[in-house]
């Protein structure tokens, strides 16, 4: 049986180009798994909320839920931005749940949790961002 080197090369180059353009996570430009997300809305009582999630190898899945509470005050800073102190409920992968304080920017709808170094931005492209700032 004769071996045709020309056909082998053309088939091999087609296969390798298909592997490069395929949907793989080998660092060659393929689609990567989403590691965070954030959304905003209003609950059934017409109260605003911001909800976010973040996944990391170190901490696993961590979810955030931020909303105003009874003593929320809106303050205008020197730059003209309006901020409100919100309650942020954090739930870790191990099931531990705790509450921290956060600052909600009413203009951009972002919530910053300074104590943890996290920010939730529902207007970020590709489904929002929830992670380190």
N, C-alpha and C. Protein backbone atom coordinates (compact mmCIF):
# COMPACT_ATOMS: atom_id res chain seq x y z
N UNK A 1 0.84 -1.18 0.00
CA UNK A 1 0.00 0.00 0.00
C UNK A 1 0.89 1.24 0.00
N UNK A 2 0.59 2.14 -0.87
CA UNK A 2 1.41 3.34 -1.01
C UNK A 2 0.94 4.39 -0.01
N UNK A 3 1.88 5.14 0.48
CA UNK A 3 1.57 6.19 1.45
C UNK A 3 1.61 7.53 0.75
N UNK A 4 0.55 8.28 0.80
CA UNK A 4 0.47 9.57 0.14
C UNK A 4 0.75 10.67 1.17
N UNK A 5 1.94 11.23 1.14
CA UNK A 5 2.36 12.22 2.11
C UNK A 5 1.59 13.53 1.95
N UNK A 6 1.23 13.89 0.73
CA UNK A 6 0.52 15.13 0.49
C UNK A 6 -0.85 15.13 1.19
N UNK A 7 -1.59 14.05 1.08
CA UNK A 7 -2.90 13.96 1.72
C UNK A 7 -2.78 13.95 3.25
N UNK A 8 -1.74 13.31 3.72
CA UNK A 8 -1.56 13.26 5.18
C UNK A 8 -1.34 14.66 5.74
N UNK A 9 -0.51 15.45 5.08
CA UNK A 9 -0.24 16.80 5.57
C UNK A 9 -1.49 17.67 5.55
N UNK A 10 -2.25 17.62 4.50
CA UNK A 10 -3.43 18.46 4.42
C UNK A 10 -4.47 18.05 5.46
N UNK A 11 -4.63 16.75 5.67
CA UNK A 11 -5.58 16.31 6.69
C UNK A 11 -5.10 16.68 8.08
N UNK A 12 -3.80 16.55 8.32
CA UNK A 12 -3.25 16.87 9.62
C UNK A 12 -3.37 18.36 9.92
N UNK A 13 -3.13 19.21 8.92
CA UNK A 13 -3.24 20.65 9.17
C UNK A 13 -4.68 21.05 9.42
N UNK A 14 -5.63 20.41 8.73
CA UNK A 14 -7.03 20.71 8.98
C UNK A 14 -7.43 20.32 10.40
N UNK A 15 -6.95 19.17 10.84
CA UNK A 15 -7.29 18.73 12.19
C UNK A 15 -6.71 19.65 13.25
N UNK A 16 -5.47 20.09 13.04
CA UNK A 16 -4.86 20.94 14.05
C UNK A 16 -5.53 22.31 14.09
N UNK A 17 -5.95 22.84 12.93
CA UNK A 17 -6.63 24.13 12.95
C UNK A 17 -8.01 24.00 13.59
N UNK A 18 -8.66 22.86 13.41
CA UNK A 18 -9.95 22.65 14.06
C UNK A 18 -9.78 22.57 15.57
N UNK A 19 -8.70 21.98 16.02
CA UNK A 19 -8.47 21.89 17.46
C UNK A 19 -8.23 23.27 18.07
N UNK A 20 -7.56 24.14 17.33
CA UNK A 20 -7.28 25.47 17.85
C UNK A 20 -8.53 26.33 17.93
N UNK A 21 -9.41 26.19 16.97
CA UNK A 21 -10.60 27.04 16.97
C UNK A 21 -11.75 26.41 17.73
N UNK A 22 -11.56 25.22 18.26
CA UNK A 22 -12.63 24.54 18.97
C UNK A 22 -12.92 25.15 20.32
N UNK A 23 -13.92 24.65 20.99
CA UNK A 23 -14.33 25.17 22.30
C UNK A 23 -13.60 24.39 23.39
N UNK A 24 -12.37 24.78 23.66
CA UNK A 24 -11.60 24.11 24.71
C UNK A 24 -11.07 25.14 25.68
N UNK A 25 -10.70 24.71 26.85
CA UNK A 25 -10.19 25.62 27.88
C UNK A 25 -8.70 25.45 28.07
N UNK A 26 -7.98 25.20 26.99
CA UNK A 26 -6.55 24.97 27.09
C UNK A 26 -5.74 26.25 26.99
N UNK A 27 -6.38 27.41 27.03
CA UNK A 27 -5.66 28.66 26.99
C UNK A 27 -5.37 29.14 25.58
N UNK A 28 -6.01 28.57 24.58
CA UNK A 28 -5.76 28.97 23.21
C UNK A 28 -6.92 29.75 22.63
N UNK A 29 -7.57 30.56 23.41
CA UNK A 29 -8.62 31.41 22.89
C UNK A 29 -10.01 30.81 22.94
N UNK A 30 -10.17 29.68 23.56
CA UNK A 30 -11.49 29.07 23.66
C UNK A 30 -12.34 29.78 24.70
N UNK A 31 -13.63 29.46 24.75
CA UNK A 31 -14.51 30.05 25.75
C UNK A 31 -14.15 29.53 27.13
N UNK A 32 -14.13 30.42 28.11
CA UNK A 32 -13.80 30.02 29.46
C UNK A 32 -15.05 30.01 30.31
N UNK A 33 -14.99 29.23 31.38
CA UNK A 33 -16.11 29.14 32.31
C UNK A 33 -16.26 30.45 33.07
N UNK A 34 -17.49 30.87 33.29
CA UNK A 34 -17.78 32.11 34.01
C UNK A 34 -17.53 31.90 35.50
N UNK A 35 -16.83 32.84 36.15
CA UNK A 35 -16.48 32.71 37.56
C UNK A 35 -17.24 33.66 38.47
N UNK A 36 -17.99 34.58 37.90
CA UNK A 36 -18.77 35.49 38.74
C UNK A 36 -19.94 36.06 37.93
N UNK A 37 -20.91 36.58 38.66
CA UNK A 37 -22.06 37.20 38.02
C UNK A 37 -22.80 38.06 39.02
N UNK A 38 -23.63 38.95 38.51
CA UNK A 38 -24.36 39.86 39.37
C UNK A 38 -25.61 40.34 38.65
N UNK A 39 -26.68 40.53 39.42
CA UNK A 39 -27.91 41.07 38.85
C UNK A 39 -28.58 41.97 39.89
N UNK A 40 -29.45 42.82 39.40
CA UNK A 40 -30.18 43.74 40.29
C UNK A 40 -31.65 43.69 39.92
N UNK A 41 -32.48 44.04 40.88
CA UNK A 41 -33.91 44.05 40.61
C UNK A 41 -34.69 44.54 41.81
N UNK A 42 -35.97 44.22 41.81
CA UNK A 42 -36.85 44.58 42.91
C UNK A 42 -37.59 43.34 43.36
N UNK A 43 -37.73 43.19 44.69
CA UNK A 43 -38.41 42.01 45.22
C UNK A 43 -39.93 42.24 45.23
N UNK A 44 -40.67 41.32 45.82
CA UNK A 44 -42.13 41.41 45.79
C UNK A 44 -42.68 42.60 46.58
N UNK A 45 -41.88 43.15 47.50
CA UNK A 45 -42.28 44.35 48.25
C UNK A 45 -41.81 45.63 47.59
N UNK A 46 -41.33 45.53 46.34
CA UNK A 46 -40.82 46.65 45.56
C UNK A 46 -39.59 47.30 46.20
N UNK A 47 -38.82 46.50 46.93
CA UNK A 47 -37.58 46.96 47.53
C UNK A 47 -36.41 46.55 46.63
N UNK A 48 -35.46 47.45 46.35
CA UNK A 48 -34.34 47.10 45.46
C UNK A 48 -33.38 46.11 46.11
N UNK A 49 -32.72 45.33 45.29
CA UNK A 49 -31.70 44.40 45.77
C UNK A 49 -30.62 44.24 44.70
N UNK A 50 -29.46 43.78 45.12
CA UNK A 50 -28.37 43.41 44.22
C UNK A 50 -27.90 42.04 44.68
N UNK A 51 -27.84 41.10 43.74
CA UNK A 51 -27.48 39.72 44.06
C UNK A 51 -26.28 39.34 43.21
N UNK A 52 -25.29 38.68 43.82
CA UNK A 52 -24.10 38.29 43.10
C UNK A 52 -23.55 36.96 43.56
N UNK A 53 -22.68 36.38 42.73
CA UNK A 53 -22.02 35.12 43.08
C UNK A 53 -20.60 35.14 42.54
N UNK A 54 -19.74 34.40 43.22
CA UNK A 54 -18.34 34.30 42.82
C UNK A 54 -17.86 32.89 43.10
N UNK A 55 -17.17 32.29 42.13
CA UNK A 55 -16.60 30.96 42.31
C UNK A 55 -15.09 31.04 42.17
N UNK A 56 -14.38 30.48 43.15
CA UNK A 56 -12.92 30.41 43.08
C UNK A 56 -12.48 29.04 43.58
N UNK A 57 -11.29 28.63 43.18
CA UNK A 57 -10.76 27.34 43.63
C UNK A 57 -10.52 27.34 45.14
N UNK A 58 -10.14 28.50 45.66
CA UNK A 58 -9.80 28.59 47.07
C UNK A 58 -11.03 28.58 47.98
N UNK A 59 -12.06 29.36 47.63
CA UNK A 59 -13.22 29.52 48.50
C UNK A 59 -14.48 28.79 48.02
N UNK A 60 -14.48 28.29 46.81
CA UNK A 60 -15.66 27.64 46.26
C UNK A 60 -16.71 28.67 45.89
N UNK A 61 -17.97 28.27 45.90
CA UNK A 61 -19.07 29.17 45.53
C UNK A 61 -19.47 30.04 46.72
N UNK A 62 -19.44 31.34 46.52
CA UNK A 62 -19.84 32.30 47.54
C UNK A 62 -20.94 33.16 46.92
N UNK A 63 -22.08 33.29 47.62
CA UNK A 63 -23.18 34.11 47.12
C UNK A 63 -23.37 35.33 48.00
N UNK A 64 -23.83 36.41 47.39
CA UNK A 64 -24.05 37.68 48.07
C UNK A 64 -25.45 38.17 47.76
N UNK A 65 -26.12 38.73 48.77
CA UNK A 65 -27.43 39.34 48.58
C UNK A 65 -27.43 40.63 49.36
N UNK A 66 -27.56 41.75 48.66
CA UNK A 66 -27.52 43.07 49.30
C UNK A 66 -28.87 43.75 49.15
N UNK A 67 -29.33 44.37 50.24
CA UNK A 67 -30.60 45.10 50.21
C UNK A 67 -30.56 46.18 51.29
N UNK A 68 -31.39 47.21 51.14
CA UNK A 68 -31.47 48.22 52.19
C UNK A 68 -32.20 47.66 53.41
N UNK A 69 -31.96 48.27 54.55
CA UNK A 69 -32.66 47.86 55.77
C UNK A 69 -33.28 49.08 56.40
N UNK A 70 -33.94 48.92 57.53
CA UNK A 70 -34.72 49.99 58.15
C UNK A 70 -33.96 51.27 58.42
N UNK A 71 -32.69 51.18 58.76
CA UNK A 71 -31.91 52.37 59.12
C UNK A 71 -31.02 52.85 57.99
N UNK A 72 -31.35 52.51 56.77
CA UNK A 72 -30.55 52.93 55.63
C UNK A 72 -30.68 54.43 55.41
N UNK A 73 -29.53 55.09 55.29
CA UNK A 73 -29.50 56.53 55.02
C UNK A 73 -28.78 56.77 53.71
N UNK A 74 -29.28 57.68 52.91
CA UNK A 74 -28.63 58.04 51.65
C UNK A 74 -27.89 59.35 51.87
N UNK A 75 -26.59 59.33 51.55
CA UNK A 75 -25.72 60.47 51.77
C UNK A 75 -25.11 60.86 50.43
N UNK A 76 -25.01 62.15 50.16
CA UNK A 76 -24.37 62.64 48.95
C UNK A 76 -22.94 63.04 49.27
N UNK A 77 -21.99 62.50 48.51
CA UNK A 77 -20.58 62.80 48.76
C UNK A 77 -20.19 64.12 48.10
N UNK A 78 -18.96 64.54 48.32
CA UNK A 78 -18.47 65.79 47.76
C UNK A 78 -18.40 65.75 46.23
N UNK A 79 -18.27 64.55 45.68
CA UNK A 79 -18.20 64.41 44.22
C UNK A 79 -19.59 64.39 43.59
N UNK A 80 -20.64 64.40 44.40
CA UNK A 80 -22.00 64.42 43.87
C UNK A 80 -22.65 63.06 43.74
N UNK A 81 -21.98 62.01 44.17
CA UNK A 81 -22.54 60.66 44.10
C UNK A 81 -23.35 60.37 45.36
N UNK A 82 -24.44 59.64 45.19
CA UNK A 82 -25.31 59.28 46.32
C UNK A 82 -25.01 57.87 46.76
N UNK A 83 -24.79 57.70 48.06
CA UNK A 83 -24.45 56.40 48.63
C UNK A 83 -25.45 56.05 49.73
N UNK A 84 -25.78 54.77 49.84
CA UNK A 84 -26.63 54.28 50.91
C UNK A 84 -25.98 53.09 51.59
N UNK A 85 -26.10 53.00 52.92
CA UNK A 85 -25.54 51.85 53.61
C UNK A 85 -26.55 50.70 53.53
N UNK A 86 -26.10 49.57 53.01
CA UNK A 86 -26.95 48.40 52.80
C UNK A 86 -26.43 47.22 53.60
N UNK A 87 -27.30 46.28 53.84
CA UNK A 87 -26.95 45.03 54.50
C UNK A 87 -26.60 44.01 53.41
N UNK A 88 -25.50 43.28 53.59
CA UNK A 88 -25.07 42.28 52.62
C UNK A 88 -25.00 40.92 53.33
N UNK A 89 -25.80 39.97 52.86
CA UNK A 89 -25.77 38.62 53.41
C UNK A 89 -24.84 37.78 52.55
N UNK A 90 -23.84 37.16 53.18
CA UNK A 90 -22.83 36.37 52.48
C UNK A 90 -23.00 34.92 52.88
N UNK A 91 -23.07 34.03 51.90
CA UNK A 91 -23.18 32.60 52.18
C UNK A 91 -22.04 31.89 51.47
N UNK A 92 -21.23 31.16 52.25
CA UNK A 92 -20.06 30.48 51.71
C UNK A 92 -20.41 29.07 51.26
N UNK A 93 -19.45 28.41 50.64
CA UNK A 93 -19.65 27.06 50.13
C UNK A 93 -19.90 26.05 51.25
N UNK A 94 -19.38 26.31 52.43
CA UNK A 94 -19.53 25.38 53.55
C UNK A 94 -20.86 25.58 54.27
N UNK A 95 -21.70 26.50 53.79
CA UNK A 95 -23.01 26.73 54.39
C UNK A 95 -23.01 27.79 55.46
N UNK A 96 -21.84 28.34 55.76
CA UNK A 96 -21.76 29.39 56.77
C UNK A 96 -22.34 30.69 56.18
N UNK A 97 -23.17 31.35 56.97
CA UNK A 97 -23.81 32.57 56.51
C UNK A 97 -23.55 33.69 57.52
N UNK A 98 -23.18 34.87 57.03
CA UNK A 98 -22.97 36.01 57.91
C UNK A 98 -23.38 37.29 57.20
N UNK A 99 -23.53 38.35 57.97
CA UNK A 99 -23.99 39.63 57.44
C UNK A 99 -22.90 40.68 57.66
N UNK A 100 -22.63 41.45 56.60
CA UNK A 100 -21.67 42.55 56.67
C UNK A 100 -22.34 43.79 56.08
N UNK A 101 -21.73 44.92 56.29
CA UNK A 101 -22.24 46.17 55.75
C UNK A 101 -21.62 46.49 54.40
N UNK A 102 -22.38 47.13 53.54
CA UNK A 102 -21.89 47.52 52.23
C UNK A 102 -22.41 48.89 51.85
N UNK A 103 -21.78 49.52 50.90
CA UNK A 103 -22.20 50.83 50.40
C UNK A 103 -22.76 50.67 49.00
N UNK A 104 -23.97 51.18 48.81
CA UNK A 104 -24.65 51.09 47.52
C UNK A 104 -24.58 52.44 46.83
N UNK A 105 -24.05 52.47 45.63
CA UNK A 105 -24.00 53.68 44.82
C UNK A 105 -25.30 53.74 44.02
N UNK A 106 -26.16 54.71 44.33
CA UNK A 106 -27.48 54.77 43.69
C UNK A 106 -27.39 55.15 42.22
N UNK A 107 -26.32 55.82 41.80
CA UNK A 107 -26.17 56.21 40.40
C UNK A 107 -25.80 55.02 39.51
N UNK A 108 -24.86 54.21 39.94
CA UNK A 108 -24.38 53.09 39.12
C UNK A 108 -24.95 51.74 39.57
N UNK A 109 -25.64 51.70 40.70
CA UNK A 109 -26.25 50.47 41.25
C UNK A 109 -25.20 49.45 41.69
N UNK A 110 -23.98 49.91 41.99
CA UNK A 110 -22.92 49.04 42.46
C UNK A 110 -22.94 48.97 43.98
N UNK A 111 -22.57 47.80 44.53
CA UNK A 111 -22.46 47.63 45.97
C UNK A 111 -21.01 47.28 46.28
N UNK A 112 -20.41 48.03 47.21
CA UNK A 112 -19.03 47.80 47.60
C UNK A 112 -19.00 47.29 49.04
N UNK A 113 -18.33 46.16 49.25
CA UNK A 113 -18.16 45.59 50.59
C UNK A 113 -16.69 45.77 50.95
N UNK A 114 -16.39 46.88 51.58
CA UNK A 114 -15.00 47.24 51.87
C UNK A 114 -14.34 46.24 52.82
N UNK A 115 -15.10 45.72 53.78
CA UNK A 115 -14.57 44.78 54.77
C UNK A 115 -13.99 43.53 54.11
N UNK A 116 -14.58 43.10 53.02
CA UNK A 116 -14.13 41.89 52.32
C UNK A 116 -13.34 42.21 51.05
N UNK A 117 -13.34 43.48 50.63
CA UNK A 117 -12.64 43.85 49.40
C UNK A 117 -13.39 43.40 48.16
N UNK A 118 -14.72 43.36 48.23
CA UNK A 118 -15.54 42.90 47.11
C UNK A 118 -16.39 44.02 46.56
N UNK A 119 -16.73 43.90 45.29
CA UNK A 119 -17.64 44.82 44.64
C UNK A 119 -18.63 44.00 43.81
N UNK A 120 -19.88 44.44 43.77
CA UNK A 120 -20.90 43.82 42.93
C UNK A 120 -21.36 44.87 41.93
N UNK A 121 -21.19 44.57 40.64
CA UNK A 121 -21.55 45.51 39.58
C UNK A 121 -22.49 44.81 38.60
N UNK A 122 -23.80 45.05 38.68
CA UNK A 122 -24.72 44.37 37.78
C UNK A 122 -24.68 44.90 36.35
N UNK A 123 -24.06 46.06 36.12
CA UNK A 123 -24.02 46.63 34.77
C UNK A 123 -22.76 46.27 34.01
N UNK A 124 -21.90 45.45 34.57
CA UNK A 124 -20.69 45.03 33.87
C UNK A 124 -21.07 44.12 32.71
N UNK A 125 -20.27 44.12 31.65
CA UNK A 125 -20.62 43.26 30.50
C UNK A 125 -20.55 41.79 30.85
N UNK A 126 -21.25 40.99 30.07
CA UNK A 126 -21.26 39.54 30.18
C UNK A 126 -21.89 39.05 31.48
N UNK A 127 -22.96 39.66 31.93
CA UNK A 127 -23.70 39.14 33.06
C UNK A 127 -23.32 39.69 34.41
N UNK A 128 -22.65 40.81 34.46
CA UNK A 128 -22.30 41.41 35.74
C UNK A 128 -21.00 40.88 36.31
N UNK A 129 -20.50 41.56 37.33
CA UNK A 129 -19.24 41.18 37.96
C UNK A 129 -19.41 41.21 39.47
N UNK A 130 -18.89 40.21 40.14
CA UNK A 130 -18.87 40.14 41.58
C UNK A 130 -17.51 39.58 41.97
N UNK A 131 -16.65 40.43 42.52
CA UNK A 131 -15.32 39.96 42.88
C UNK A 131 -14.49 41.05 43.50
N UNK A 132 -13.19 40.79 43.58
CA UNK A 132 -12.25 41.72 44.20
C UNK A 132 -12.20 43.03 43.43
N UNK A 133 -11.99 44.12 44.19
CA UNK A 133 -11.79 45.41 43.53
C UNK A 133 -10.39 45.86 43.73
